[in-house]
Amino acid sequence: MSQPKIFISRLIPSLGLTLLNEHFQPDTWSNEMPPTREKLFEKTKGIEGLLCTLTEKVDADLMDSIGPQLKVISSMSVGVDHIDVSAATQRGIPVGNTPGVLTDATADQAFALLLAAARRIPEAERFVRAGKWVTWSPSLLLGADLAGATLGIVGFGRIGQAVAKRAQGFDMRVLYHSPNAKPAYGATSVDLDTLLKESDFVSIHVPLTERTKQLVNADFLSKMKPNAILVNTARGGVLDQSALYEALRSNRIQAAALDVTDPEPLPMESPLLSLENCIIVPHLGSASKKTRDMMSLLAAKNLVAGLRGERLPHCVNPQVYG
């Protein structure tokens, strides 16, 4: 029996790649930059299994170009906003993701950004490297305290709850806004307006959907405290970056720290990059070796199951199984 044709759109960590190489002979895109749209169509023609990442747009046109023999789409990510899941479901194609394993790493990243913004760490580091540190000063680069402050978490799923757990160690009061989420780690459920009005820090943890697109807009930001700090480790599309720039430039809010932007990478001409009170890092939420290894393994296991006609261990559209 011939091997199924598989395409892996990026060079994933060895743990997942080793599993796939044990069972199949996948075609792996090994360039540093992701395949262009044209190249993606070319490389996926006639495949039965696709393992992708968030840098590839997997829509109905691509699925139709691949052909009706496509059995499974597996993404090395939790979010699947880069995949037209509805189109896959209509075609009977299960879509896999990698939940759970990146919860702690992403929560750590959110808290690292929160601390960095609160204590102005990147700004202080630039200050030293620029040769401006000439003496200790009582009023030099004063930041915000976490102890006793209120943290508002928008989206209280696995990652939001993990952030709340970490906040306990800083004696923070935690509020959350999330439909149908149950209280955990001493957090209190409130409506969004109350959360924005009372929070010293606001951390975003919602998936990108039509409902959450540009959820953080001018109106959202206008309801935050003037000394509040915004952290986004969710998706760039959840945030209106123009509105954030105006809020930061006018000191409507104190600071922001972004792990994600729209687009990615953020163009160098973006006005956000001109602001001292805006930290931007290149989508590193899950970027620990252990976490990325486990993500690659889950993605590989989803792909193997799909190619064997078995139920995916982690399927975002289980309705395809009837």
Protein backbone atom coordinates (compact mmCIF):
# COMPACT_ATOMS: atom_id res chain seq x y z
CA MET A 1 0.00 0.00 0.00
CA SER A 2 1.35 3.44 -0.93
CA GLN A 3 2.06 6.03 1.74
CA PRO A 4 -0.51 8.82 2.15
CA LYS A 5 0.65 12.15 0.82
CA ILE A 6 1.27 14.66 3.64
CA PHE A 7 2.42 18.25 3.72
CA ILE A 8 3.85 19.97 6.83
CA SER A 9 3.79 23.71 6.22
CA ARG A 10 6.58 24.65 8.67
CA LEU A 11 9.56 22.87 10.23
CA ILE A 12 7.98 21.81 13.53
CA PRO A 13 9.95 20.67 16.62
CA SER A 14 11.54 17.23 16.42
CA LEU A 15 9.17 15.46 18.83
CA GLY A 16 6.24 15.72 16.43
CA LEU A 17 8.35 15.37 13.31
CA THR A 18 9.91 12.14 14.58
CA LEU A 19 6.47 10.60 15.15
CA LEU A 20 5.37 11.47 11.63
CA ASN A 21 8.60 10.22 10.08
CA GLU A 22 8.08 6.88 11.86
CA HIS A 23 4.76 6.36 10.08
CA PHE A 24 4.96 8.36 6.85
CA GLN A 25 7.21 10.23 4.47
CA PRO A 26 5.90 13.77 4.82
CA ASP A 27 6.87 16.66 2.60
CA THR A 28 8.08 19.34 5.03
CA TRP A 29 8.52 23.02 4.22
CA SER A 30 11.90 23.80 5.78
CA ASN A 31 12.37 27.48 4.89
CA GLU A 32 12.44 30.04 7.69
CA MET A 33 9.66 32.05 6.03
CA PRO A 34 6.26 30.34 5.59
CA PRO A 35 5.20 29.27 2.10
CA THR A 36 3.62 31.92 -0.05
CA ARG A 37 -0.04 31.49 -0.94
CA GLU A 38 0.96 30.35 -4.42
CA LYS A 39 3.50 27.86 -3.07
CA LEU A 40 1.00 26.54 -0.50
CA PHE A 41 -1.47 25.73 -3.27
CA GLU A 42 1.30 24.05 -5.26
CA LYS A 43 2.67 21.93 -2.39
CA THR A 44 -0.72 20.75 -1.08
CA LYS A 45 -2.22 19.56 -4.36
CA GLY A 46 -3.52 16.01 -3.89
CA ILE A 47 -2.48 15.58 -0.24
CA GLU A 48 -4.46 13.53 2.27
CA GLY A 49 -3.13 15.23 5.40
CA LEU A 50 -2.13 18.82 6.16
CA LEU A 51 -0.23 19.91 9.27
CA CYS A 52 -0.22 23.71 9.38
CA THR A 53 0.53 26.56 11.76
CA LEU A 54 -1.14 29.91 12.36
CA THR A 55 0.88 31.51 9.53
CA GLU A 56 -1.03 29.62 6.83
CA LYS A 57 -4.54 30.57 5.70
CA VAL A 58 -6.49 27.36 5.16
CA ASP A 59 -9.75 28.41 3.51
CA ALA A 60 -12.34 26.82 1.24
CA ASP A 61 -10.34 27.68 -1.90
CA LEU A 62 -7.29 25.85 -0.59
CA MET A 63 -9.36 22.83 0.50
CA ASP A 64 -10.97 22.60 -2.94
CA SER A 65 -7.58 22.94 -4.60
CA ILE A 66 -6.20 20.11 -2.46
CA GLY A 67 -9.04 17.85 -3.52
CA PRO A 68 -11.74 15.60 -2.03
CA GLN A 69 -9.18 13.06 -0.78
CA LEU A 70 -8.13 15.43 2.04
CA LYS A 71 -8.75 13.52 5.28
CA VAL A 72 -7.48 15.79 8.03
CA ILE A 73 -6.22 19.29 8.84
CA SER A 74 -4.08 19.50 11.97
CA SER A 75 -2.88 22.85 13.29
CA MET A 76 0.00 23.32 15.71
CA SER A 77 -1.96 25.94 17.64
CA VAL A 78 -4.89 26.32 19.99
CA GLY A 79 -6.55 29.07 17.99
CA VAL A 80 -7.90 28.07 14.59
CA ASP A 81 -8.96 31.45 13.24
CA HIS A 82 -6.57 30.87 10.30
CA ILE A 83 -8.70 27.88 9.24
CA ASP A 84 -12.21 28.06 7.79
CA VAL A 85 -13.56 25.43 10.17
CA SER A 86 -17.07 25.77 8.74
CA ALA A 87 -15.80 24.98 5.25
CA ALA A 88 -13.87 21.98 6.58
CA THR A 89 -16.97 20.72 8.40
CA GLN A 90 -19.07 21.03 5.25
CA ARG A 91 -16.51 18.85 3.48
CA GLY A 92 -16.39 16.31 6.31
CA ILE A 93 -12.79 17.14 7.21
CA PRO A 94 -11.86 17.01 10.91
CA VAL A 95 -9.73 19.90 12.15
CA GLY A 96 -7.32 19.31 15.02
CA ASN A 97 -5.66 21.77 17.42
CA THR A 98 -3.34 21.60 20.44
CA PRO A 99 -5.17 22.78 23.58
CA GLY A 100 -4.00 22.48 27.17
CA VAL A 101 -0.26 22.06 26.68
CA LEU A 102 0.41 25.77 26.16
CA THR A 103 -1.79 27.06 28.99
CA ASP A 104 0.99 27.59 31.54
CA ALA A 105 3.50 28.99 29.05
CA THR A 106 1.00 31.54 27.73
CA ALA A 107 -0.13 32.50 31.24
CA ASP A 108 3.53 32.97 32.20
CA GLN A 109 3.99 35.21 29.15
CA ALA A 110 0.93 37.28 30.06
CA PHE A 111 2.24 37.78 33.58
CA ALA A 112 5.75 38.53 32.33
CA LEU A 113 4.35 41.27 30.11
CA LEU A 114 2.16 42.57 32.93
CA LEU A 115 5.19 42.86 35.23
CA ALA A 116 7.39 44.34 32.48
CA ALA A 117 4.82 47.04 31.73
CA ALA A 118 4.06 47.73 35.38
CA ARG A 119 7.74 48.18 36.33
CA ARG A 120 8.75 49.67 32.97
CA ILE A 121 11.45 47.05 32.44
CA PRO A 122 12.07 47.49 28.66
CA GLU A 123 12.07 51.28 29.04
CA ALA A 124 14.55 51.05 31.91
CA GLU A 125 16.81 48.71 29.96
CA ARG A 126 16.85 51.13 27.01
CA PHE A 127 17.59 53.95 29.47
CA VAL A 128 20.73 52.18 30.69
CA ARG A 129 21.98 51.24 27.21
CA ALA A 130 21.51 54.83 26.05
CA GLY A 131 23.94 56.00 28.73
CA LYS A 132 21.29 57.98 30.63
CA TRP A 133 21.86 56.28 34.01
CA VAL A 134 24.00 58.81 35.85
CA THR A 135 22.72 58.43 39.42
CA TRP A 136 20.06 56.85 41.60
CA SER A 137 17.01 59.10 41.79
CA PRO A 138 13.92 58.96 44.05
CA SER A 139 11.63 59.58 41.09
CA LEU A 140 13.39 57.65 38.32
CA LEU A 141 11.12 55.42 36.16
CA LEU A 142 8.45 54.93 38.78
CA GLY A 143 6.09 52.07 37.99
CA ALA A 144 2.88 50.47 39.23
CA ASP A 145 2.42 48.07 42.16
CA LEU A 146 0.80 44.67 41.71
CA ALA A 147 0.21 43.89 45.37
CA GLY A 148 -3.33 44.91 46.25
CA ALA A 149 -4.13 45.96 42.67
CA THR A 150 -7.14 44.73 40.71
CA LEU A 151 -6.61 42.49 37.68
CA GLY A 152 -9.42 42.19 35.16
CA ILE A 153 -9.37 39.10 32.94
CA VAL A 154 -11.45 39.20 29.74
CA GLY A 155 -11.99 35.56 28.76
CA PHE A 156 -11.82 33.02 31.57
CA GLY A 157 -10.91 29.79 29.85
CA ARG A 158 -7.84 27.69 30.62
CA ILE A 159 -5.33 30.50 30.10
CA GLY A 160 -7.41 33.18 31.80
CA GLN A 161 -7.79 30.95 34.84
CA ALA A 162 -4.06 30.21 34.88
CA VAL A 163 -3.39 33.96 34.94
CA ALA A 164 -5.83 34.31 37.87
CA LYS A 165 -3.93 31.56 39.69
CA ARG A 166 -0.67 33.46 39.29
CA ALA A 167 -2.29 36.67 40.49
CA GLN A 168 -3.00 34.99 43.84
CA GLY A 169 0.73 35.03 44.56
CA PHE A 170 0.74 38.81 44.20
CA ASP A 171 -2.27 39.33 46.49
CA MET A 172 -4.24 40.80 43.62
CA ARG A 173 -8.01 41.15 43.51
CA VAL A 174 -9.18 39.37 40.35
CA LEU A 175 -12.29 40.13 38.30
CA TYR A 176 -13.28 38.30 35.14
CA HIS A 177 -15.77 38.66 32.33
CA SER A 178 -16.54 35.51 30.38
CA PRO A 179 -19.89 34.04 29.32
CA ASN A 180 -20.76 30.86 31.23
CA ALA A 181 -17.36 30.58 32.94
CA LYS A 182 -17.39 29.38 36.53
CA PRO A 183 -15.45 31.16 39.32
CA ALA A 184 -11.95 29.87 40.06
CA TYR A 185 -8.90 30.97 42.06
CA GLY A 186 -10.89 33.53 44.02
CA ALA A 187 -11.87 35.50 40.90
CA THR A 188 -15.23 37.30 40.76
CA SER A 189 -17.48 37.37 37.70
CA VAL A 190 -18.58 40.88 36.66
CA ASP A 191 -19.97 42.60 33.58
CA LEU A 192 -17.43 44.10 31.20
CA ASP A 193 -18.09 47.73 32.12
CA THR A 194 -17.51 46.99 35.81
CA LEU A 195 -14.31 45.14 35.01
CA LEU A 196 -12.94 48.03 32.96
CA LYS A 197 -13.97 50.63 35.53
CA GLU A 198 -12.34 48.86 38.49
CA SER A 199 -9.26 47.14 37.03
CA ASP A 200 -5.71 48.43 37.30
CA PHE A 201 -4.60 45.77 34.83
CA VAL A 202 -6.68 44.24 32.02
CA SER A 203 -5.53 40.99 30.41
CA ILE A 204 -7.19 39.68 27.23
CA HIS A 205 -7.75 35.94 26.76
CA VAL A 206 -10.55 35.50 24.22
CA PRO A 207 -10.39 33.61 20.90
CA LEU A 208 -10.64 35.65 17.71
CA THR A 209 -14.18 35.34 16.34
CA GLU A 210 -16.61 37.66 14.58
CA ARG A 211 -17.95 38.57 18.02
CA THR A 212 -14.54 39.41 19.51
CA LYS A 213 -12.98 41.11 16.48
CA GLN A 214 -11.72 44.53 17.66
CA LEU A 215 -13.42 43.97 21.01
CA VAL A 216 -10.76 46.25 22.46
CA ASN A 217 -11.76 49.43 20.65
CA ALA A 218 -11.99 53.14 21.48
CA ASP A 219 -15.11 52.63 23.57
CA PHE A 220 -13.49 49.75 25.51
CA LEU A 221 -10.35 51.80 26.18
CA SER A 222 -12.34 54.88 27.22
CA LYS A 223 -13.86 52.90 30.09
CA MET A 224 -10.49 51.86 31.55
CA LYS A 225 -8.77 53.70 34.37
CA PRO A 226 -6.25 56.37 33.28
CA ASN A 227 -3.53 54.48 35.17
CA ALA A 228 -4.57 51.07 33.79
CA ILE A 229 -2.28 48.73 31.86
CA LEU A 230 -3.54 46.52 29.01
CA VAL A 231 -2.01 43.12 28.17
CA ASN A 232 -2.96 41.11 25.07
CA THR A 233 -1.69 37.55 24.55
CA ALA A 234 -4.80 36.38 22.64
CA ARG A 235 -4.90 37.44 18.96
CA GLY A 236 -4.00 40.72 17.33
CA GLY A 237 -7.39 41.02 15.65
CA VAL A 238 -9.09 41.33 19.04
CA LEU A 239 -7.55 44.81 19.34
CA ASP A 240 -8.11 48.02 17.35
CA GLN A 241 -4.47 49.13 17.15
CA SER A 242 -5.31 52.64 15.94
CA ALA A 243 -7.56 53.17 18.95
CA LEU A 244 -4.84 51.80 21.24
CA TYR A 245 -2.27 54.18 19.78
CA GLU A 246 -4.51 57.17 20.47
CA ALA A 247 -5.25 55.96 24.01
CA LEU A 248 -1.55 55.52 24.77
CA ARG A 249 -0.40 58.70 23.03
CA SER A 250 -2.93 60.81 24.91
CA ASN A 251 -2.25 58.98 28.21
CA ARG A 252 -5.86 57.82 28.27
CA ILE A 253 -4.37 54.60 29.67
CA GLN A 254 -0.93 54.20 31.18
CA ALA A 255 0.64 51.42 29.12
CA ALA A 256 0.10 48.33 27.00
CA ALA A 257 2.01 45.11 26.40
CA LEU A 258 1.27 43.08 23.28
CA ASP A 259 2.38 39.55 22.46
CA VAL A 260 0.23 39.57 19.31
CA THR A 261 -0.49 42.13 16.58
CA ASP A 262 -2.45 42.45 13.35
CA PRO A 263 -0.73 41.89 11.01
CA GLU A 264 2.18 39.80 12.18
CA PRO A 265 4.92 40.86 11.98
CA LEU A 266 3.93 44.41 12.85
CA PRO A 267 5.17 46.80 10.10
CA MET A 268 8.08 48.94 11.24
CA GLU A 269 6.13 52.06 10.31
CA SER A 270 3.42 51.25 12.86
CA PRO A 271 2.98 54.25 15.17
CA LEU A 272 2.78 51.87 18.14
CA LEU A 273 6.52 51.31 17.80
CA SER A 274 7.16 55.00 18.47
CA LEU A 275 5.65 54.84 21.96
CA GLU A 276 7.70 54.31 25.13
CA ASN A 277 4.61 53.03 26.96
CA CYS A 278 3.91 50.17 24.55
CA ILE A 279 5.77 46.84 24.77
CA ILE A 280 5.55 44.62 21.68
CA VAL A 281 7.07 41.14 21.40
CA PRO A 282 6.85 38.66 18.47
CA HIS A 283 4.05 36.24 19.46
CA LEU A 284 5.97 34.28 22.07
CA GLY A 285 3.08 33.09 24.25
CA SER A 286 3.83 29.40 23.83
CA ALA A 287 7.54 29.85 23.11
CA SER A 288 9.14 27.50 25.60
CA LYS A 289 10.96 24.43 24.35
CA LYS A 290 8.86 21.99 26.36
CA THR A 291 5.60 23.59 25.26
CA ARG A 292 6.44 23.75 21.56
CA ASP A 293 7.66 20.13 21.70
CA MET A 294 4.32 19.03 23.16
CA MET A 295 2.36 21.14 20.67
CA SER A 296 4.19 19.48 17.79
CA LEU A 297 3.48 16.04 19.27
CA LEU A 298 -0.26 16.74 19.68
CA ALA A 299 -0.45 18.11 16.15
CA ALA A 300 1.30 14.99 14.85
CA LYS A 301 -1.02 12.69 16.81
CA ASN A 302 -4.05 14.48 15.38
CA LEU A 303 -2.67 14.03 11.87
CA VAL A 304 -1.89 10.35 12.34
CA ALA A 305 -5.36 9.66 13.74
CA GLY A 306 -7.04 11.46 10.88
CA LEU A 307 -5.06 9.60 8.25
CA ARG A 308 -5.99 6.30 9.90
CA GLY A 309 -9.67 7.21 9.90
CA GLU A 310 -9.69 7.44 13.69
CA ARG A 311 -11.21 10.19 15.82
CA LEU A 312 -8.78 13.07 16.41
CA PRO A 313 -7.61 13.32 20.05
CA HIS A 314 -8.28 17.06 19.89
CA CYS A 315 -10.93 17.99 17.32
CA VAL A 316 -12.51 21.46 17.05
CA ASN A 317 -15.37 20.29 14.80
CA PRO A 318 -16.50 16.93 16.28
CA GLN A 319 -19.79 17.21 14.37
CA VAL A 320 -17.96 15.71 11.36
CA TYR A 321 -18.21 12.37 13.19
CA GLY A 322 -22.00 12.53 13.16
